[in-house]
Amino acid sequence: PIPVLTVQTSPYEDQRPTGGGGLRRPTALFEGQRNYLPNFVQSLLSSVDLRDRQGCTMVGGSDGRDFSKTAIEIVVQMAAAN
């Protein structure tokens, strides 16, 4: 089993995606703000009804720059925990 951690956090006011491009922010913001990426990922996962998530496949993409590997690891872990 994968251990699940519950982390107390607060929302960031600037985490409102625009258009179909997702959340476009400087990499330093994702790396420097505590739980910035996990907050956004959880908000996306929570926006889909649990019944609709059962048995689904999640597809993620990356351009391979700087923070990509770490970001993908966080997204995969959170998706598995959800």
Protein backbone atom coordinates (compact mmCIF):
# COMPACT_ATOMS: atom_id res chain seq x y z
CA PRO A 1 0.00 0.00 0.00
CA ILE A 2 1.04 3.58 -0.66
CA PRO A 3 1.15 5.74 2.47
CA VAL A 4 -1.22 8.71 2.21
CA LEU A 5 -0.30 12.00 3.86
CA THR A 6 -2.85 14.66 4.66
CA VAL A 7 -1.24 18.10 4.48
CA GLN A 8 -2.87 21.22 5.89
CA THR A 9 -2.49 24.03 3.41
CA SER A 10 -4.06 27.26 2.23
CA PRO A 11 -5.11 28.26 -1.29
CA TYR A 12 -3.09 30.62 -3.42
CA GLU A 13 -5.17 33.41 -4.94
CA ASP A 14 -3.26 33.36 -8.25
CA GLN A 15 -4.07 29.73 -9.01
CA ARG A 16 -6.73 30.32 -11.61
CA PRO A 17 -5.94 28.68 -14.94
CA THR A 18 -6.64 30.60 -18.10
CA GLY A 19 -7.82 28.91 -21.26
CA GLY A 20 -6.66 25.40 -22.04
CA GLY A 21 -3.05 26.03 -21.06
CA GLY A 22 -3.34 25.02 -17.44
CA LEU A 23 -1.52 26.99 -14.78
CA ARG A 24 1.30 28.94 -16.44
CA ARG A 25 3.64 30.40 -13.87
CA PRO A 26 7.42 30.73 -13.51
CA THR A 27 9.19 27.57 -12.36
CA ALA A 28 10.63 29.44 -9.38
CA LEU A 29 7.11 30.01 -8.09
CA PHE A 30 6.34 26.28 -8.15
CA GLU A 31 9.63 25.50 -6.43
CA GLY A 32 9.57 28.38 -3.95
CA GLN A 33 5.99 28.48 -2.68
CA ARG A 34 5.20 25.72 -0.19
CA ASN A 35 2.67 23.24 -1.65
CA TYR A 36 2.05 25.42 -4.71
CA LEU A 37 1.93 22.53 -7.17
CA PRO A 38 0.16 20.05 -4.85
CA ASN A 39 -2.55 22.65 -4.13
CA PHE A 40 -3.25 23.08 -7.82
CA VAL A 41 -3.12 19.36 -8.58
CA GLN A 42 -5.51 18.55 -5.73
CA SER A 43 -7.93 21.23 -6.88
CA LEU A 44 -8.02 19.62 -10.33
CA LEU A 45 -8.45 16.11 -8.93
CA SER A 46 -11.18 17.29 -6.55
CA SER A 47 -13.07 19.01 -9.35
CA VAL A 48 -13.91 15.64 -10.93
CA ASP A 49 -16.55 13.59 -9.13
CA LEU A 50 -15.03 10.55 -7.42
CA ARG A 51 -17.39 8.21 -9.32
CA ASP A 52 -16.11 9.62 -12.60
CA ARG A 53 -12.47 9.07 -11.56
CA GLN A 54 -12.86 5.35 -10.83
CA GLY A 55 -11.10 3.26 -13.47
CA CYS A 56 -10.03 6.27 -15.53
CA THR A 57 -6.66 6.95 -17.09
CA MET A 58 -4.86 10.19 -16.39
CA VAL A 59 -2.50 11.52 -19.04
CA GLY A 60 0.19 14.06 -18.19
CA GLY A 61 2.63 15.79 -20.44
CA SER A 62 5.87 17.65 -20.08
CA ASP A 63 8.38 19.49 -22.20
CA GLY A 64 11.23 18.09 -20.09
CA ARG A 65 12.53 21.37 -18.70
CA ASP A 66 13.81 22.11 -15.19
CA PHE A 67 11.08 21.16 -12.70
CA SER A 68 9.34 18.61 -14.96
CA LYS A 69 10.58 15.39 -13.38
CA THR A 70 9.74 16.53 -9.86
CA ALA A 71 6.37 17.88 -10.95
CA ILE A 72 5.44 14.62 -12.70
CA GLU A 73 6.41 12.63 -9.60
CA ILE A 74 4.17 14.83 -7.43
CA VAL A 75 1.23 14.58 -9.86
CA VAL A 76 1.52 10.78 -10.13
CA GLN A 77 1.76 10.33 -6.36
CA MET A 78 -1.24 12.57 -5.74
CA ALA A 79 -3.31 10.88 -8.43
CA ALA A 80 -2.52 7.48 -6.92
CA ALA A 81 -3.42 8.74 -3.44
CA ASN A 82 -6.73 10.06 -4.74
